N, C-alpha and C. Protein backbone atom coordinates (compact mmCIF):
# COMPACT_ATOMS: atom_id res chain seq x y z
N MET A 1 47.66 -196.39 -152.47
CA MET A 1 48.23 -195.89 -152.13
C MET A 1 49.28 -196.51 -151.65
N ALA A 2 50.64 -195.67 -150.94
CA ALA A 2 52.59 -195.92 -151.06
C ALA A 2 52.22 -197.17 -149.87
N GLN A 3 53.67 -197.85 -149.93
CA GLN A 3 53.81 -198.82 -149.11
C GLN A 3 55.21 -197.97 -148.29
N VAL A 4 55.27 -198.68 -147.69
CA VAL A 4 56.62 -197.96 -146.80
C VAL A 4 57.12 -199.65 -146.38
N ILE A 5 58.15 -200.71 -146.51
CA ILE A 5 58.74 -200.55 -145.60
C ILE A 5 60.04 -201.02 -144.48
N ILE A 6 60.14 -201.11 -143.53
CA ILE A 6 60.97 -200.66 -142.17
C ILE A 6 61.71 -202.02 -141.85
N ARG A 7 62.45 -202.53 -142.12
CA ARG A 7 62.99 -204.34 -141.60
C ARG A 7 64.45 -203.43 -140.27
N PRO A 8 63.47 -203.31 -139.50
CA PRO A 8 64.88 -203.03 -138.12
C PRO A 8 65.05 -204.17 -137.54
N GLN A 9 66.89 -203.97 -137.10
CA GLN A 9 67.52 -205.12 -137.17
C GLN A 9 66.94 -205.86 -135.62
N ALA A 10 66.40 -204.41 -134.56
CA ALA A 10 65.44 -205.44 -133.01
C ALA A 10 64.19 -203.61 -133.37
N ALA A 11 62.94 -204.71 -133.65
CA ALA A 11 61.56 -204.15 -133.44
C ALA A 11 60.98 -203.89 -132.18
N ASP A 12 61.77 -203.83 -131.62
CA ASP A 12 60.91 -204.06 -130.04
C ASP A 12 60.27 -202.81 -129.67
N ASN A 13 60.24 -201.91 -130.11
CA ASN A 13 60.14 -200.38 -130.01
C ASN A 13 59.47 -199.58 -130.34
N LEU A 14 59.83 -199.85 -132.05
CA LEU A 14 59.81 -199.54 -133.14
C LEU A 14 58.68 -198.41 -133.50
N LYS A 15 58.11 -199.83 -133.39
CA LYS A 15 56.50 -199.76 -133.70
C LYS A 15 56.03 -197.97 -133.39
N ASN A 16 56.28 -198.06 -131.63
CA ASN A 16 55.46 -197.25 -131.18
C ASN A 16 56.59 -195.89 -131.28
N LEU A 17 57.54 -195.81 -131.17
CA LEU A 17 58.95 -195.20 -132.19
C LEU A 17 57.77 -194.41 -133.48
N ILE A 18 57.94 -194.72 -134.37
CA ILE A 18 56.55 -194.16 -135.50
C ILE A 18 55.91 -193.26 -135.42
N LYS A 19 54.89 -194.19 -134.31
CA LYS A 19 53.05 -194.11 -134.56
C LYS A 19 53.57 -192.93 -133.53
N VAL A 20 54.73 -192.77 -132.65
CA VAL A 20 54.72 -191.37 -131.67
C VAL A 20 55.17 -190.33 -132.65
N ALA A 21 55.89 -190.28 -133.91
CA ALA A 21 56.31 -189.64 -134.66
C ALA A 21 55.74 -189.31 -135.63
N VAL A 22 54.47 -189.53 -135.92
CA VAL A 22 53.48 -189.80 -137.36
C VAL A 22 52.65 -188.85 -136.03
N GLU A 23 52.12 -188.93 -135.02
CA GLU A 23 51.53 -188.11 -133.78
C GLU A 23 51.75 -187.24 -133.77
N ASN A 24 53.17 -186.98 -133.67
CA ASN A 24 54.18 -185.31 -133.63
C ASN A 24 53.61 -184.86 -134.88
N GLN A 25 53.97 -184.79 -135.59
CA GLN A 25 54.20 -184.85 -137.14
C GLN A 25 52.66 -183.23 -137.31
N LEU A 26 51.40 -184.86 -137.39
CA LEU A 26 50.17 -184.85 -137.64
C LEU A 26 50.09 -183.44 -136.32
N LYS A 27 50.84 -182.90 -135.58
CA LYS A 27 50.06 -182.09 -134.03
C LYS A 27 51.01 -180.42 -134.99
N VAL A 28 52.15 -180.61 -135.34
CA VAL A 28 52.95 -179.53 -136.49
C VAL A 28 52.16 -179.10 -137.10
N ILE A 29 51.53 -180.04 -138.09
CA ILE A 29 50.81 -179.46 -139.15
C ILE A 29 49.63 -179.08 -139.01
N ASN A 30 49.20 -179.29 -137.72
CA ASN A 30 48.01 -178.90 -137.94
C ASN A 30 47.54 -177.08 -137.21
N PHE A 31 48.64 -177.27 -136.69
CA PHE A 31 49.26 -175.84 -135.61
C PHE A 31 49.77 -175.04 -137.14
N GLY A 32 49.92 -175.84 -137.95
CA GLY A 32 50.49 -174.32 -139.18
C GLY A 32 49.12 -174.34 -139.84
N ILE A 33 48.86 -175.37 -139.79
CA ILE A 33 47.51 -174.85 -140.73
C ILE A 33 46.63 -174.13 -139.85
N ALA A 34 46.42 -174.36 -138.41
CA ALA A 34 45.64 -172.99 -138.28
C ALA A 34 46.14 -171.70 -138.50
N LYS A 35 47.44 -171.19 -138.28
CA LYS A 35 48.36 -170.24 -138.51
C LYS A 35 47.88 -169.95 -139.35
N THR A 36 48.14 -171.16 -140.82
CA THR A 36 47.60 -169.79 -141.96
C THR A 36 46.33 -170.05 -142.04
N LYS A 37 45.65 -170.42 -141.92
CA LYS A 37 43.93 -169.81 -141.15
C LYS A 37 43.80 -168.59 -141.10
N ARG A 38 44.96 -168.32 -139.79
CA ARG A 38 44.68 -167.27 -139.39
C ARG A 38 45.80 -165.79 -140.29
N LYS A 39 46.48 -165.92 -140.87
CA LYS A 39 47.34 -165.02 -141.84
C LYS A 39 45.41 -164.97 -142.84
N LEU A 40 45.38 -166.01 -143.74
CA LEU A 40 44.20 -165.40 -144.63
C LEU A 40 43.15 -165.01 -144.31
N GLY A 41 42.91 -165.55 -142.77
CA GLY A 41 41.39 -164.99 -142.68
C GLY A 41 41.15 -163.70 -142.32
N GLU A 42 42.71 -162.52 -142.19
CA GLU A 42 43.04 -161.72 -141.74
C GLU A 42 43.15 -160.30 -143.49
N LEU A 43 43.82 -161.14 -144.34
CA LEU A 43 43.75 -160.88 -145.66
C LEU A 43 42.33 -160.82 -146.21
N GLU A 44 41.20 -161.79 -146.40
CA GLU A 44 40.23 -162.02 -146.29
C GLU A 44 39.27 -160.61 -145.73
N LYS A 45 39.26 -160.29 -144.99
CA LYS A 45 39.16 -159.53 -144.05
C LYS A 45 39.48 -157.86 -144.10
N GLU A 46 40.78 -157.49 -144.28
CA GLU A 46 41.25 -156.91 -145.45
C GLU A 46 41.28 -156.02 -146.73
N SER A 47 40.61 -157.17 -147.30
CA SER A 47 39.76 -156.81 -148.38
C SER A 47 39.01 -156.50 -149.27
N GLY A 48 38.42 -157.64 -148.47
CA GLY A 48 36.42 -158.29 -148.72
C GLY A 48 36.33 -159.07 -149.56
N MET A 49 37.43 -160.21 -149.37
CA MET A 49 37.68 -161.24 -150.73
C MET A 49 37.71 -162.70 -150.08
N ASP A 50 36.97 -163.87 -150.29
CA ASP A 50 37.45 -164.54 -150.41
C ASP A 50 38.77 -165.62 -150.66
N SER A 51 39.92 -166.38 -149.73
CA SER A 51 40.91 -166.22 -150.31
C SER A 51 40.55 -167.11 -151.70
N LYS A 52 39.81 -168.45 -151.88
CA LYS A 52 39.54 -169.09 -153.35
C LYS A 52 39.28 -168.53 -154.47
N TYR A 53 38.71 -167.77 -154.01
CA TYR A 53 38.29 -167.16 -155.05
C TYR A 53 39.11 -165.76 -155.80
N PHE A 54 39.94 -165.40 -154.55
CA PHE A 54 40.94 -164.52 -154.72
C PHE A 54 42.26 -165.13 -155.04
N TYR A 55 42.51 -166.30 -154.74
CA TYR A 55 43.88 -166.87 -156.09
C TYR A 55 42.91 -167.40 -157.43
N GLU A 56 42.00 -168.11 -157.10
CA GLU A 56 41.90 -168.18 -159.12
C GLU A 56 42.08 -167.38 -160.14
N GLU A 57 41.50 -165.47 -159.02
CA GLU A 57 42.10 -164.48 -159.87
C GLU A 57 43.21 -164.44 -159.87
N PHE A 58 43.71 -164.42 -159.29
CA PHE A 58 45.40 -164.69 -159.61
C PHE A 58 45.83 -164.99 -159.95
N GLN A 59 45.35 -166.73 -160.08
CA GLN A 59 46.00 -167.32 -160.86
C GLN A 59 45.75 -166.94 -162.99
N LYS A 60 44.29 -166.40 -162.58
CA LYS A 60 44.12 -165.70 -164.08
C LYS A 60 45.19 -164.60 -164.63
N GLY A 61 45.67 -163.67 -163.62
CA GLY A 61 46.29 -162.65 -163.63
C GLY A 61 45.96 -161.65 -164.65
N LYS A 62 44.60 -161.87 -163.13
CA LYS A 62 43.21 -160.53 -163.14
C LYS A 62 43.65 -159.89 -161.69
N LEU A 63 44.86 -159.45 -161.00
CA LEU A 63 44.44 -158.64 -159.79
C LEU A 63 45.78 -158.27 -159.82
N GLY A 64 47.22 -158.14 -160.72
CA GLY A 64 48.32 -157.98 -161.01
C GLY A 64 49.65 -158.47 -159.57
N ASP A 65 50.07 -158.62 -159.67
CA ASP A 65 51.80 -158.57 -158.68
C ASP A 65 52.36 -157.84 -157.20
N ASP A 66 51.14 -157.40 -157.30
CA ASP A 66 51.38 -156.33 -155.88
C ASP A 66 51.58 -157.32 -154.59
N LEU A 67 52.86 -157.67 -154.07
CA LEU A 67 53.31 -157.86 -153.16
C LEU A 67 52.71 -158.42 -152.18
N LYS A 68 51.69 -157.61 -151.88
CA LYS A 68 49.91 -158.15 -150.85
C LYS A 68 49.52 -159.92 -151.01
N PHE A 69 49.54 -159.43 -152.71
CA PHE A 69 49.08 -161.29 -153.13
C PHE A 69 50.02 -161.62 -153.27
N ILE A 70 50.88 -161.84 -153.78
CA ILE A 70 51.64 -162.54 -153.72
C ILE A 70 52.04 -163.32 -152.75
N ARG A 71 51.94 -162.97 -151.93
CA ARG A 71 51.88 -163.38 -150.47
C ARG A 71 51.14 -164.31 -150.18
N TRP A 72 49.89 -163.15 -150.58
CA TRP A 72 47.99 -164.01 -150.01
C TRP A 72 48.23 -165.09 -150.84
N ALA A 73 49.08 -165.31 -152.32
CA ALA A 73 48.40 -166.48 -152.95
C ALA A 73 50.05 -167.73 -152.20
N GLY A 74 50.86 -167.16 -151.54
CA GLY A 74 51.05 -167.90 -151.34
C GLY A 74 51.22 -169.06 -149.83
N GLU A 75 50.32 -167.90 -149.43
CA GLU A 75 50.00 -168.53 -148.14
C GLU A 75 48.32 -169.99 -148.74
N TYR A 76 47.84 -169.53 -149.25
CA TYR A 76 47.25 -170.45 -150.11
C TYR A 76 47.42 -172.00 -150.20
N GLU A 77 48.74 -171.46 -150.52
CA GLU A 77 49.28 -172.75 -151.89
C GLU A 77 49.55 -173.24 -150.32
N THR A 78 50.17 -172.44 -149.41
CA THR A 78 51.19 -172.95 -147.70
C THR A 78 49.66 -174.10 -147.58
N LEU A 79 49.14 -173.36 -147.45
CA LEU A 79 47.33 -173.64 -146.72
C LEU A 79 47.03 -175.34 -147.85
N GLU A 80 46.88 -175.21 -148.84
CA GLU A 80 46.62 -176.78 -149.55
C GLU A 80 47.51 -177.19 -149.25
N ARG A 81 48.78 -177.25 -149.14
CA ARG A 81 49.92 -178.43 -149.06
C ARG A 81 49.56 -178.50 -147.59
N LEU A 82 49.97 -177.85 -146.41
CA LEU A 82 49.42 -178.53 -145.24
C LEU A 82 48.56 -179.80 -145.29
N GLN A 83 47.46 -178.81 -146.05
CA GLN A 83 46.11 -180.45 -145.68
C GLN A 83 46.19 -181.29 -146.29
N LYS A 84 46.81 -181.39 -147.50
CA LYS A 84 47.39 -182.92 -147.86
C LYS A 84 47.78 -183.06 -147.29
N ASP A 85 49.17 -182.95 -146.52
CA ASP A 85 50.03 -184.00 -145.71
C ASP A 85 49.28 -184.83 -145.29
N TYR A 86 49.00 -183.08 -144.24
CA TYR A 86 48.34 -184.01 -143.09
C TYR A 86 47.32 -184.48 -143.88
N ASN A 87 46.65 -185.16 -144.48
CA ASN A 87 45.17 -185.98 -144.69
C ASN A 87 46.07 -187.40 -145.60
N GLU A 88 47.46 -187.36 -145.88
CA GLU A 88 48.43 -188.40 -146.64
C GLU A 88 48.37 -188.84 -145.41
N LEU A 89 49.12 -188.11 -143.56
CA LEU A 89 49.90 -189.08 -142.86
C LEU A 89 48.77 -189.15 -142.08
N GLN A 90 47.17 -188.70 -142.26
CA GLN A 90 45.99 -189.30 -141.32
C GLN A 90 45.95 -190.78 -141.46
N GLY A 91 45.66 -190.79 -143.20
CA GLY A 91 45.94 -192.39 -143.17
C GLY A 91 47.09 -192.83 -143.12
N VAL A 92 47.98 -193.24 -142.24
CA VAL A 92 49.46 -194.04 -142.76
C VAL A 92 48.34 -195.13 -141.21
N GLU A 93 48.99 -196.38 -141.55
CA GLU A 93 48.71 -197.42 -141.44
C GLU A 93 49.56 -198.28 -140.54
N LEU A 94 50.17 -198.04 -139.69
CA LEU A 94 50.98 -199.73 -138.79
C LEU A 94 51.07 -200.79 -138.93
N CYS A 95 51.67 -201.17 -139.62
CA CYS A 95 50.50 -202.88 -139.98
C CYS A 95 52.60 -203.40 -138.91
N SER A 96 51.97 -204.97 -138.58
CA SER A 96 53.13 -205.52 -137.32
C SER A 96 53.40 -206.75 -137.95
């Protein structure tokens, strides 16, 4: 795990500020995850295809390059990135 060391001149409230910032960012990311999942759900319903299966087939070049598919792939990649970011932030430990 990566380690970040911050040495402030005055640390009175810094740990609390960083904790609040991380919690807020987790909320923002969680909102993005929910929104992206809704979009993916709509695309899955429209096409009758699961997003994971779609993405695998799209990456293999089996579905063509229709704009709808490009957007769908983008949403899928966005969800993966958001989930990765969320998991990384979830594991943040603030030391004294």
